[in-house]
Amino acid sequence: MQEVYAALMLHDAKQPITEESLKQAVVAAAAPAGGGEKKEEKKDEEDESKKAEEASAGLSALFG
């Protein structure tokens, strides 16, 4: 799965997709070790709840 993500990043950056560039991109895209994950998870949960509220508000306008 990491290779697919790396290939998409390279394509978006208009870089050649070669075996070597994929290896480098996979290493740069590796998840950092440590305690940084908890902050991201909390932020993601808040973003998801906002998106859910906005989506439900948008759907109610259809049936208004």
C-alpha atoms as a PDB file:
ATOM      1  CA  MET A   1       0.000   0.000   0.000  1.00  0.00           C
ATOM      2  CA  GLN A   2       2.899   2.348   0.705  1.00  0.00           C
ATOM      3  CA  GLU A   3       4.140   1.931  -2.841  1.00  0.00           C
ATOM      4  CA  VAL A   4       0.782   2.998  -4.249  1.00  0.00           C
ATOM      5  CA  TYR A   5       0.748   6.102  -2.073  1.00  0.00           C
ATOM      6  CA  ALA A   6       4.345   6.885  -3.048  1.00  0.00           C
ATOM      7  CA  ALA A   7       3.504   6.499  -6.743  1.00  0.00           C
ATOM      8  CA  LEU A   8       0.567   8.883  -6.362  1.00  0.00           C
ATOM      9  CA  MET A   9       2.777  11.433  -4.601  1.00  0.00           C
ATOM     10  CA  LEU A  10       5.381  11.211  -7.344  1.00  0.00           C
ATOM     11  CA  HIS A  11       2.744  11.533 -10.059  1.00  0.00           C
ATOM     12  CA  ASP A  12       1.241  14.587  -8.353  1.00  0.00           C
ATOM     13  CA  ALA A  13       4.708  16.158  -8.116  1.00  0.00           C
ATOM     14  CA  LYS A  14       5.264  15.363 -11.814  1.00  0.00           C
ATOM     15  CA  GLN A  15       8.344  13.281 -10.945  1.00  0.00           C
ATOM     16  CA  PRO A  16       9.355  10.139 -12.833  1.00  0.00           C
ATOM     17  CA  ILE A  17       8.033   6.987 -11.223  1.00  0.00           C
ATOM     18  CA  THR A  18      11.022   4.658 -11.054  1.00  0.00           C
ATOM     19  CA  GLU A  19      12.007   1.925  -8.653  1.00  0.00           C
ATOM     20  CA  GLU A  20      14.601   4.175  -7.019  1.00  0.00           C
ATOM     21  CA  SER A  21      12.254   7.143  -6.635  1.00  0.00           C
ATOM     22  CA  LEU A  22       9.577   4.855  -5.167  1.00  0.00           C
ATOM     23  CA  LYS A  23      12.055   3.532  -2.592  1.00  0.00           C
ATOM     24  CA  GLN A  24      12.997   7.080  -1.598  1.00  0.00           C
ATOM     25  CA  ALA A  25       9.374   8.197  -1.382  1.00  0.00           C
ATOM     26  CA  VAL A  26       8.384   5.199   0.747  1.00  0.00           C
ATOM     27  CA  VAL A  27      11.166   5.995   3.219  1.00  0.00           C
ATOM     28  CA  ALA A  28      10.134   9.720   3.391  1.00  0.00           C
ATOM     29  CA  ALA A  29       6.446   8.755   3.794  1.00  0.00           C
ATOM     30  CA  ALA A  30       7.093   6.336   6.656  1.00  0.00           C
ATOM     31  CA  ALA A  31       5.148   7.155   9.824  1.00  0.00           C
ATOM     32  CA  PRO A  32       7.220   8.834  12.515  1.00  0.00           C
ATOM     33  CA  ALA A  33       7.831   6.858  15.677  1.00  0.00           C
ATOM     34  CA  GLY A  34       6.910   8.413  18.981  1.00  0.00           C
ATOM     35  CA  GLY A  35       3.991  10.123  20.649  1.00  0.00           C
ATOM     36  CA  GLY A  36       2.876  12.314  17.751  1.00  0.00           C
ATOM     37  CA  GLU A  37       0.052   9.983  16.843  1.00  0.00           C
ATOM     38  CA  LYS A  38      -2.302  10.949  19.682  1.00  0.00           C
ATOM     39  CA  LYS A  39      -2.460  14.596  18.634  1.00  0.00           C
ATOM     40  CA  GLU A  40      -3.226  13.656  15.040  1.00  0.00           C
ATOM     41  CA  GLU A  41      -5.919  11.185  16.084  1.00  0.00           C
ATOM     42  CA  LYS A  42      -7.689  13.774  18.204  1.00  0.00           C
ATOM     43  CA  LYS A  43      -7.589  16.335  15.412  1.00  0.00           C
ATOM     44  CA  ASP A  44      -8.851  13.756  12.899  1.00  0.00           C
ATOM     45  CA  GLU A  45     -11.770  12.851  15.158  1.00  0.00           C
ATOM     46  CA  GLU A  46     -12.747  16.515  15.455  1.00  0.00           C
ATOM     47  CA  ASP A  47     -12.522  16.988  11.697  1.00  0.00           C
ATOM     48  CA  GLU A  48     -14.648  13.907  11.066  1.00  0.00           C
ATOM     49  CA  SER A  49     -17.364  15.065  13.459  1.00  0.00           C
ATOM     50  CA  LYS A  50     -17.464  18.495  11.783  1.00  0.00           C
ATOM     51  CA  LYS A  51     -17.703  16.887   8.359  1.00  0.00           C
ATOM     52  CA  ALA A  52     -20.522  14.630   9.532  1.00  0.00           C
ATOM     53  CA  GLU A  53     -22.457  17.602  10.902  1.00  0.00           C
ATOM     54  CA  GLU A  54     -21.965  19.560   7.686  1.00  0.00           C
ATOM     55  CA  ALA A  55     -23.049  16.600   5.579  1.00  0.00           C
ATOM     56  CA  SER A  56     -26.214  16.068   7.584  1.00  0.00           C
ATOM     57  CA  ALA A  57     -27.039  19.773   7.387  1.00  0.00           C
ATOM     58  CA  GLY A  58     -26.566  19.678   3.618  1.00  0.00           C
ATOM     59  CA  LEU A  59     -28.828  16.659   3.240  1.00  0.00           C
ATOM     60  CA  SER A  60     -31.616  18.234   5.246  1.00  0.00           C
ATOM     61  CA  ALA A  61     -31.667  21.145   2.802  1.00  0.00           C
ATOM     62  CA  LEU A  62     -32.589  18.723   0.030  1.00  0.00           C
ATOM     63  CA  PHE A  63     -35.769  17.679   1.798  1.00  0.00           C
ATOM     64  CA  GLY A  64     -36.441  21.099   3.424  1.00  0.00           C
END
